[in-house]
Amino acid sequence: MADKSSSSAYWAANVRIILISLAVWFFCSFGLGIILRPALKGISVGGADLGFWFAQNGSIYVFLILIFAYAAKMNKLDREYGVEE
């Protein structure tokens, strides 16, 4: 990754992955857990309504999934740009 255009493209792809991950996490934690909670009230998951479940557990599970997805995407991106460890 010697030239500047390649490093700029790598950084742009990295930022895009981060922004998509943050958008998904925001939607699951804030959107489903807070804003859409009344709409999800009728759906039951483990004895609690779905909105409450997302507020308490779901956003944490989504965050953990996003960590592994981010690591996999970054490993692929690193190999693509030749900066893998």
PDB file of N, CA and C in Angstrom:
ATOM      1  N   MET A   1       0.846  -1.174   0.000  1.00  0.00           N
ATOM      2  CA  MET A   1       0.000   0.000   0.000  1.00  0.00           C
ATOM      3  C   MET A   1       0.888   1.231   0.000  1.00  0.00           C
ATOM      4  N   ALA A   2       1.660   1.380  -1.047  1.00  0.00           N
ATOM      5  CA  ALA A   2       2.656   2.435  -1.092  1.00  0.00           C
ATOM      6  C   ALA A   2       2.087   3.780  -1.537  1.00  0.00           C
ATOM      7  N   ASP A   3       1.185   3.787  -2.486  1.00  0.00           N
ATOM      8  CA  ASP A   3       0.731   5.082  -2.993  1.00  0.00           C
ATOM      9  C   ASP A   3      -0.444   5.636  -2.179  1.00  0.00           C
ATOM     10  N   LYS A   4      -0.607   6.928  -2.302  1.00  0.00           N
ATOM     11  CA  LYS A   4      -1.598   7.645  -1.498  1.00  0.00           C
ATOM     12  C   LYS A   4      -3.031   7.285  -1.873  1.00  0.00           C
ATOM     13  N   SER A   5      -3.298   7.021  -3.148  1.00  0.00           N
ATOM     14  CA  SER A   5      -4.664   6.696  -3.566  1.00  0.00           C
ATOM     15  C   SER A   5      -5.112   5.357  -2.975  1.00  0.00           C
ATOM     16  N   SER A   6      -4.189   4.423  -2.876  1.00  0.00           N
ATOM     17  CA  SER A   6      -4.515   3.127  -2.299  1.00  0.00           C
ATOM     18  C   SER A   6      -4.803   3.256  -0.808  1.00  0.00           C
ATOM     19  N   SER A   7      -4.027   4.065  -0.123  1.00  0.00           N
ATOM     20  CA  SER A   7      -4.258   4.257   1.311  1.00  0.00           C
ATOM     21  C   SER A   7      -5.546   5.038   1.548  1.00  0.00           C
ATOM     22  N   SER A   8      -5.871   5.973   0.684  1.00  0.00           N
ATOM     23  CA  SER A   8      -7.137   6.715   0.801  1.00  0.00           C
ATOM     24  C   SER A   8      -8.321   5.797   0.555  1.00  0.00           C
ATOM     25  N   ALA A   9      -8.212   4.909  -0.412  1.00  0.00           N
ATOM     26  CA  ALA A   9      -9.295   3.961  -0.693  1.00  0.00           C
ATOM     27  C   ALA A   9      -9.478   2.991   0.468  1.00  0.00           C
ATOM     28  N   TYR A  10      -8.376   2.543   1.065  1.00  0.00           N
ATOM     29  CA  TYR A  10      -8.447   1.653   2.225  1.00  0.00           C
ATOM     30  C   TYR A  10      -9.142   2.353   3.385  1.00  0.00           C
ATOM     31  N   TRP A  11      -8.758   3.586   3.664  1.00  0.00           N
ATOM     32  CA  TRP A  11      -9.356   4.326   4.769  1.00  0.00           C
ATOM     33  C   TRP A  11     -10.834   4.603   4.504  1.00  0.00           C
ATOM     34  N   ALA A  12     -11.188   4.919   3.268  1.00  0.00           N
ATOM     35  CA  ALA A  12     -12.594   5.170   2.932  1.00  0.00           C
ATOM     36  C   ALA A  12     -13.427   3.899   3.125  1.00  0.00           C
ATOM     37  N   ALA A  13     -12.888   2.755   2.734  1.00  0.00           N
ATOM     38  CA  ALA A  13     -13.606   1.491   2.925  1.00  0.00           C
ATOM     39  C   ALA A  13     -13.742   1.177   4.411  1.00  0.00           C
ATOM     40  N   ASN A  14     -12.710   1.454   5.180  1.00  0.00           N
ATOM     41  CA  ASN A  14     -12.740   1.241   6.629  1.00  0.00           C
ATOM     42  C   ASN A  14     -13.808   2.115   7.282  1.00  0.00           C
ATOM     43  N   VAL A  15     -13.854   3.370   6.934  1.00  0.00           N
ATOM     44  CA  VAL A  15     -14.846   4.291   7.503  1.00  0.00           C
ATOM     45  C   VAL A  15     -16.257   3.876   7.095  1.00  0.00           C
ATOM     46  N   ARG A  16     -16.431   3.407   5.868  1.00  0.00           N
ATOM     47  CA  ARG A  16     -17.749   2.949   5.417  1.00  0.00           C
ATOM     48  C   ARG A  16     -18.223   1.761   6.253  1.00  0.00           C
ATOM     49  N   ILE A  17     -17.347   0.816   6.530  1.00  0.00           N
ATOM     50  CA  ILE A  17     -17.699  -0.336   7.358  1.00  0.00           C
ATOM     51  C   ILE A  17     -18.075   0.116   8.766  1.00  0.00           C
ATOM     52  N   ILE A  18     -17.323   1.046   9.314  1.00  0.00           N
ATOM     53  CA  ILE A  18     -17.606   1.553  10.656  1.00  0.00           C
ATOM     54  C   ILE A  18     -18.958   2.260  10.690  1.00  0.00           C
ATOM     55  N   LEU A  19     -19.248   3.098   9.709  1.00  0.00           N
ATOM     56  CA  LEU A  19     -20.512   3.834   9.693  1.00  0.00           C
ATOM     57  C   LEU A  19     -21.711   2.900   9.525  1.00  0.00           C
ATOM     58  N   ILE A  20     -21.572   1.882   8.698  1.00  0.00           N
ATOM     59  CA  ILE A  20     -22.658   0.910   8.544  1.00  0.00           C
ATOM     60  C   ILE A  20     -22.880   0.158   9.853  1.00  0.00           C
ATOM     61  N   SER A  21     -21.804  -0.239  10.509  1.00  0.00           N
ATOM     62  CA  SER A  21     -21.922  -0.942  11.793  1.00  0.00           C
ATOM     63  C   SER A  21     -22.592  -0.068  12.841  1.00  0.00           C
ATOM     64  N   LEU A  22     -22.206   1.199  12.900  1.00  0.00           N
ATOM     65  CA  LEU A  22     -22.826   2.114  13.857  1.00  0.00           C
ATOM     66  C   LEU A  22     -24.298   2.347  13.554  1.00  0.00           C
ATOM     67  N   ALA A  23     -24.649   2.414  12.284  1.00  0.00           N
ATOM     68  CA  ALA A  23     -26.054   2.603  11.906  1.00  0.00           C
ATOM     69  C   ALA A  23     -26.898   1.398  12.312  1.00  0.00           C
ATOM     70  N   VAL A  24     -26.378   0.193  12.089  1.00  0.00           N
ATOM     71  CA  VAL A  24     -27.104  -1.017  12.482  1.00  0.00           C
ATOM     72  C   VAL A  24     -27.276  -1.059  13.993  1.00  0.00           C
ATOM     73  N   TRP A  25     -26.203  -0.762  14.728  1.00  0.00           N
ATOM     74  CA  TRP A  25     -26.274  -0.797  16.192  1.00  0.00           C
ATOM     75  C   TRP A  25     -27.235   0.277  16.708  1.00  0.00           C
ATOM     76  N   PHE A  26     -27.201   1.462  16.139  1.00  0.00           N
ATOM     77  CA  PHE A  26     -28.106   2.533  16.541  1.00  0.00           C
ATOM     78  C   PHE A  26     -29.558   2.123  16.296  1.00  0.00           C
ATOM     79  N   PHE A  27     -29.839   1.554  15.125  1.00  0.00           N
ATOM     80  CA  PHE A  27     -31.207   1.151  14.815  1.00  0.00           C
ATOM     81  C   PHE A  27     -31.697   0.088  15.798  1.00  0.00           C
ATOM     82  N   CYS A  28     -30.849  -0.890  16.100  1.00  0.00           N
ATOM     83  CA  CYS A  28     -31.268  -1.964  17.006  1.00  0.00           C
ATOM     84  C   CYS A  28     -31.403  -1.489  18.444  1.00  0.00           C
ATOM     85  N   SER A  29     -30.476  -0.675  18.913  1.00  0.00           N
ATOM     86  CA  SER A  29     -30.538  -0.257  20.308  1.00  0.00           C
ATOM     87  C   SER A  29     -31.504   0.897  20.524  1.00  0.00           C
ATOM     88  N   PHE A  30     -31.399   1.949  19.761  1.00  0.00           N
ATOM     89  CA  PHE A  30     -32.247   3.134  19.958  1.00  0.00           C
ATOM     90  C   PHE A  30     -33.579   2.982  19.241  1.00  0.00           C
ATOM     91  N   GLY A  31     -33.547   2.518  18.001  1.00  0.00           N
ATOM     92  CA  GLY A  31     -34.771   2.400  17.217  1.00  0.00           C
ATOM     93  C   GLY A  31     -35.709   1.333  17.753  1.00  0.00           C
ATOM     94  N   LEU A  32     -35.220   0.091  17.831  1.00  0.00           N
ATOM     95  CA  LEU A  32     -36.079  -1.006  18.276  1.00  0.00           C
ATOM     96  C   LEU A  32     -36.282  -1.007  19.784  1.00  0.00           C
ATOM     97  N   GLY A  33     -35.295  -0.583  20.535  1.00  0.00           N
ATOM     98  CA  GLY A  33     -35.400  -0.618  21.995  1.00  0.00           C
ATOM     99  C   GLY A  33     -36.118   0.561  22.600  1.00  0.00           C
ATOM    100  N   ILE A  34     -36.151   1.710  21.927  1.00  0.00           N
ATOM    101  CA  ILE A  34     -36.757   2.910  22.516  1.00  0.00           C
ATOM    102  C   ILE A  34     -37.876   3.459  21.643  1.00  0.00           C
ATOM    103  N   ILE A  35     -37.563   3.826  20.415  1.00  0.00           N
ATOM    104  CA  ILE A  35     -38.552   4.511  19.571  1.00  0.00           C
ATOM    105  C   ILE A  35     -39.676   3.572  19.147  1.00  0.00           C
ATOM    106  N   LEU A  36     -39.341   2.371  18.688  1.00  0.00           N
ATOM    107  CA  LEU A  36     -40.358   1.440  18.200  1.00  0.00           C
ATOM    108  C   LEU A  36     -40.860   0.470  19.275  1.00  0.00           C
ATOM    109  N   ARG A  37     -40.484   0.704  20.515  1.00  0.00           N
ATOM    110  CA  ARG A  37     -40.890  -0.202  21.594  1.00  0.00           C
ATOM    111  C   ARG A  37     -42.403  -0.339  21.702  1.00  0.00           C
ATOM    112  N   PRO A  38     -43.181   0.741  21.655  1.00  0.00           N
ATOM    113  CA  PRO A  38     -44.639   0.562  21.735  1.00  0.00           C
ATOM    114  C   PRO A  38     -45.210  -0.274  20.585  1.00  0.00           C
ATOM    115  N   ALA A  39     -44.634  -0.161  19.409  1.00  0.00           N
ATOM    116  CA  ALA A  39     -45.113  -0.935  18.264  1.00  0.00           C
ATOM    117  C   ALA A  39     -44.773  -2.418  18.401  1.00  0.00           C
ATOM    118  N   LEU A  40     -43.714  -2.738  19.132  1.00  0.00           N
ATOM    119  CA  LEU A  40     -43.276  -4.120  19.307  1.00  0.00           C
ATOM    120  C   LEU A  40     -43.843  -4.759  20.564  1.00  0.00           C
ATOM    121  N   LYS A  41     -44.733  -4.064  21.244  1.00  0.00           N
ATOM    122  CA  LYS A  41     -45.248  -4.518  22.536  1.00  0.00           C
ATOM    123  C   LYS A  41     -46.008  -5.834  22.449  1.00  0.00           C
ATOM    124  N   GLY A  42     -46.698  -6.098  21.348  1.00  0.00           N
ATOM    125  CA  GLY A  42     -47.502  -7.306  21.223  1.00  0.00           C
ATOM    126  C   GLY A  42     -46.720  -8.574  20.944  1.00  0.00           C
ATOM    127  N   ILE A  43     -45.471  -8.445  20.540  1.00  0.00           N
ATOM    128  CA  ILE A  43     -44.647  -9.610  20.193  1.00  0.00           C
ATOM    129  C   ILE A  43     -43.874 -10.040  21.438  1.00  0.00           C
ATOM    130  N   SER A  44     -44.023 -11.289  21.827  1.00  0.00           N
ATOM    131  CA  SER A  44     -43.396 -11.781  23.049  1.00  0.00           C
ATOM    132  C   SER A  44     -42.155 -12.611  22.734  1.00  0.00           C
ATOM    133  N   VAL A  45     -41.084 -12.343  23.482  1.00  0.00           N
ATOM    134  CA  VAL A  45     -39.836 -13.100  23.373  1.00  0.00           C
ATOM    135  C   VAL A  45     -39.400 -13.441  24.787  1.00  0.00           C
ATOM    136  N   GLY A  46     -39.434 -14.716  25.131  1.00  0.00           N
ATOM    137  CA  GLY A  46     -38.981 -15.145  26.449  1.00  0.00           C
ATOM    138  C   GLY A  46     -39.775 -14.543  27.595  1.00  0.00           C
ATOM    139  N   GLY A  47     -41.047 -14.288  27.403  1.00  0.00           N
ATOM    140  CA  GLY A  47     -41.890 -13.740  28.459  1.00  0.00           C
ATOM    141  C   GLY A  47     -41.916 -12.222  28.520  1.00  0.00           C
ATOM    142  N   ALA A  48     -41.154 -11.558  27.699  1.00  0.00           N
ATOM    143  CA  ALA A  48     -41.141 -10.085  27.674  1.00  0.00           C
ATOM    144  C   ALA A  48     -41.468  -9.627  26.257  1.00  0.00           C
ATOM    145  N   ASP A  49     -41.945  -8.392  26.142  1.00  0.00           N
ATOM    146  CA  ASP A  49     -42.227  -7.901  24.789  1.00  0.00           C
ATOM    147  C   ASP A  49     -40.923  -7.637  24.041  1.00  0.00           C
ATOM    148  N   LEU A  50     -41.008  -7.656  22.721  1.00  0.00           N
ATOM    149  CA  LEU A  50     -39.817  -7.569  21.871  1.00  0.00           C
ATOM    150  C   LEU A  50     -39.057  -6.255  22.058  1.00  0.00           C
ATOM    151  N   GLY A  51     -39.777  -5.148  22.241  1.00  0.00           N
ATOM    152  CA  GLY A  51     -39.104  -3.869  22.466  1.00  0.00           C
ATOM    153  C   GLY A  51     -38.275  -3.876  23.736  1.00  0.00           C
ATOM    154  N   PHE A  52     -38.821  -4.434  24.818  1.00  0.00           N
ATOM    155  CA  PHE A  52     -38.070  -4.545  26.074  1.00  0.00           C
ATOM    156  C   PHE A  52     -36.874  -5.463  25.891  1.00  0.00           C
ATOM    157  N   TRP A  53     -37.081  -6.578  25.162  1.00  0.00           N
ATOM    158  CA  TRP A  53     -35.984  -7.505  24.936  1.00  0.00           C
ATOM    159  C   TRP A  53     -34.839  -6.836  24.192  1.00  0.00           C
ATOM    160  N   PHE A  54     -35.153  -6.031  23.156  1.00  0.00           N
ATOM    161  CA  PHE A  54     -34.102  -5.321  22.432  1.00  0.00           C
ATOM    162  C   PHE A  54     -33.418  -4.299  23.332  1.00  0.00           C
ATOM    163  N   ALA A  55     -34.180  -3.641  24.191  1.00  0.00           N
ATOM    164  CA  ALA A  55     -33.578  -2.644  25.079  1.00  0.00           C
ATOM    165  C   ALA A  55     -32.641  -3.295  26.088  1.00  0.00           C
ATOM    166  N   GLN A  56     -32.974  -4.490  26.550  1.00  0.00           N
ATOM    167  CA  GLN A  56     -32.172  -5.133  27.590  1.00  0.00           C
ATOM    168  C   GLN A  56     -31.124  -6.100  27.053  1.00  0.00           C
ATOM    169  N   ASN A  57     -31.481  -6.902  26.080  1.00  0.00           N
ATOM    170  CA  ASN A  57     -30.578  -7.955  25.605  1.00  0.00           C
ATOM    171  C   ASN A  57     -30.216  -7.838  24.138  1.00  0.00           C
ATOM    172  N   GLY A  58     -31.190  -7.529  23.316  1.00  0.00           N
ATOM    173  CA  GLY A  58     -30.997  -7.567  21.871  1.00  0.00           C
ATOM    174  C   GLY A  58     -29.891  -6.672  21.364  1.00  0.00           C
ATOM    175  N   SER A  59     -29.814  -5.462  21.895  1.00  0.00           N
ATOM    176  CA  SER A  59     -28.773  -4.547  21.414  1.00  0.00           C
ATOM    177  C   SER A  59     -27.382  -5.040  21.796  1.00  0.00           C
ATOM    178  N   ILE A  60     -27.273  -5.743  22.919  1.00  0.00           N
ATOM    179  CA  ILE A  60     -25.980  -6.311  23.315  1.00  0.00           C
ATOM    180  C   ILE A  60     -25.601  -7.449  22.369  1.00  0.00           C
ATOM    181  N   TYR A  61     -26.574  -8.311  22.042  1.00  0.00           N
ATOM    182  CA  TYR A  61     -26.309  -9.409  21.105  1.00  0.00           C
ATOM    183  C   TYR A  61     -25.932  -8.867  19.722  1.00  0.00           C
ATOM    184  N   VAL A  62     -26.648  -7.851  19.285  1.00  0.00           N
ATOM    185  CA  VAL A  62     -26.334  -7.237  17.990  1.00  0.00           C
ATOM    186  C   VAL A  62     -24.922  -6.648  18.020  1.00  0.00           C
ATOM    187  N   PHE A  63     -24.547  -6.006  19.136  1.00  0.00           N
ATOM    188  CA  PHE A  63     -23.210  -5.449  19.267  1.00  0.00           C
ATOM    189  C   PHE A  63     -22.150  -6.546  19.168  1.00  0.00           C
ATOM    190  N   LEU A  64     -22.368  -7.673  19.834  1.00  0.00           N
ATOM    191  CA  LEU A  64     -21.403  -8.772  19.763  1.00  0.00           C
ATOM    192  C   LEU A  64     -21.292  -9.331  18.348  1.00  0.00           C
ATOM    193  N   ILE A  65     -22.418  -9.466  17.669  1.00  0.00           N
ATOM    194  CA  ILE A  65     -22.397  -9.935  16.280  1.00  0.00           C
ATOM    195  C   ILE A  65     -21.649  -8.941  15.398  1.00  0.00           C
ATOM    196  N   LEU A  66     -21.872  -7.641  15.643  1.00  0.00           N
ATOM    197  CA  LEU A  66     -21.182  -6.616  14.856  1.00  0.00           C
ATOM    198  C   LEU A  66     -19.675  -6.643  15.078  1.00  0.00           C
ATOM    199  N   ILE A  67     -19.232  -6.975  16.281  1.00  0.00           N
ATOM    200  CA  ILE A  67     -17.793  -7.072  16.548  1.00  0.00           C
ATOM    201  C   ILE A  67     -17.166  -8.136  15.652  1.00  0.00           C
ATOM    202  N   PHE A  68     -17.791  -9.327  15.611  1.00  0.00           N
ATOM    203  CA  PHE A  68     -17.246 -10.409  14.795  1.00  0.00           C
ATOM    204  C   PHE A  68     -17.371 -10.104  13.306  1.00  0.00           C
ATOM    205  N   ALA A  69     -18.475  -9.493  12.907  1.00  0.00           N
ATOM    206  CA  ALA A  69     -18.650  -9.128  11.496  1.00  0.00           C
ATOM    207  C   ALA A  69     -17.619  -8.078  11.089  1.00  0.00           C
ATOM    208  N   TYR A  70     -17.369  -7.096  11.964  1.00  0.00           N
ATOM    209  CA  TYR A  70     -16.371  -6.065  11.674  1.00  0.00           C
ATOM    210  C   TYR A  70     -14.975  -6.689  11.527  1.00  0.00           C
ATOM    211  N   ALA A  71     -14.639  -7.598  12.441  1.00  0.00           N
ATOM    212  CA  ALA A  71     -13.325  -8.249  12.369  1.00  0.00           C
ATOM    213  C   ALA A  71     -13.180  -9.034  11.063  1.00  0.00           C
ATOM    214  N   ALA A  72     -14.229  -9.746  10.672  1.00  0.00           N
ATOM    215  CA  ALA A  72     -14.167 -10.517   9.427  1.00  0.00           C
ATOM    216  C   ALA A  72     -14.046  -9.592   8.215  1.00  0.00           C
ATOM    217  N   LYS A  73     -14.838  -8.516   8.185  1.00  0.00           N
ATOM    218  CA  LYS A  73     -14.773  -7.571   7.060  1.00  0.00           C
ATOM    219  C   LYS A  73     -13.403  -6.891   6.991  1.00  0.00           C
ATOM    220  N   MET A  74     -12.849  -6.522   8.139  1.00  0.00           N
ATOM    221  CA  MET A  74     -11.543  -5.858   8.145  1.00  0.00           C
ATOM    222  C   MET A  74     -10.435  -6.823   7.733  1.00  0.00           C
ATOM    223  N   ASN A  75     -10.529  -8.087   8.128  1.00  0.00           N
ATOM    224  CA  ASN A  75      -9.538  -9.069   7.667  1.00  0.00           C
ATOM    225  C   ASN A  75      -9.587  -9.205   6.150  1.00  0.00           C
ATOM    226  N   LYS A  76     -10.794  -9.239   5.596  1.00  0.00           N
ATOM    227  CA  LYS A  76     -10.945  -9.319   4.144  1.00  0.00           C
ATOM    228  C   LYS A  76     -10.392  -8.057   3.478  1.00  0.00           C
ATOM    229  N   LEU A  77     -10.704  -6.894   4.052  1.00  0.00           N
ATOM    230  CA  LEU A  77     -10.217  -5.625   3.507  1.00  0.00           C
ATOM    231  C   LEU A  77      -8.691  -5.537   3.598  1.00  0.00           C
ATOM    232  N   ASP A  78      -8.117  -5.995   4.705  1.00  0.00           N
ATOM    233  CA  ASP A  78      -6.662  -6.001   4.865  1.00  0.00           C
ATOM    234  C   ASP A  78      -5.994  -6.868   3.802  1.00  0.00           C
ATOM    235  N   ARG A  79      -6.568  -8.056   3.556  1.00  0.00           N
ATOM    236  CA  ARG A  79      -6.001  -8.928   2.514  1.00  0.00           C
ATOM    237  C   ARG A  79      -6.124  -8.285   1.143  1.00  0.00           C
ATOM    238  N   GLU A  80      -7.246  -7.626   0.905  1.00  0.00           N
ATOM    239  CA  GLU A  80      -7.472  -6.977  -0.398  1.00  0.00           C
ATOM    240  C   GLU A  80      -6.444  -5.880  -0.676  1.00  0.00           C
ATOM    241  N   TYR A  81      -6.079  -5.122   0.364  1.00  0.00           N
ATOM    242  CA  TYR A  81      -5.132  -4.026   0.187  1.00  0.00           C
ATOM    243  C   TYR A  81      -3.701  -4.405   0.567  1.00  0.00           C
ATOM    244  N   GLY A  82      -3.482  -5.661   0.947  1.00  0.00           N
ATOM    245  CA  GLY A  82      -2.126  -6.128   1.224  1.00  0.00           C
ATOM    246  C   GLY A  82      -1.540  -5.613   2.511  1.00  0.00           C
ATOM    247  N   VAL A  83      -2.339  -5.398   3.528  1.00  0.00           N
ATOM    248  CA  VAL A  83      -1.831  -4.919   4.814  1.00  0.00           C
ATOM    249  C   VAL A  83      -2.147  -5.890   5.947  1.00  0.00           C
ATOM    250  N   GLU A  84      -2.396  -7.165   5.606  1.00  0.00           N
ATOM    251  CA  GLU A  84      -2.710  -8.145   6.648  1.00  0.00           C
ATOM    252  C   GLU A  84      -1.495  -8.411   7.497  1.00  0.00           C
ATOM    253  N   GLU A  85      -1.755  -8.901   8.698  1.00  0.00           N
ATOM    254  CA  GLU A  85      -0.657  -9.172   9.625  1.00  0.00           C
ATOM    255  C   GLU A  85      -0.096 -10.546   9.401  1.00  0.00           C
TER     256      GLU A  85
END
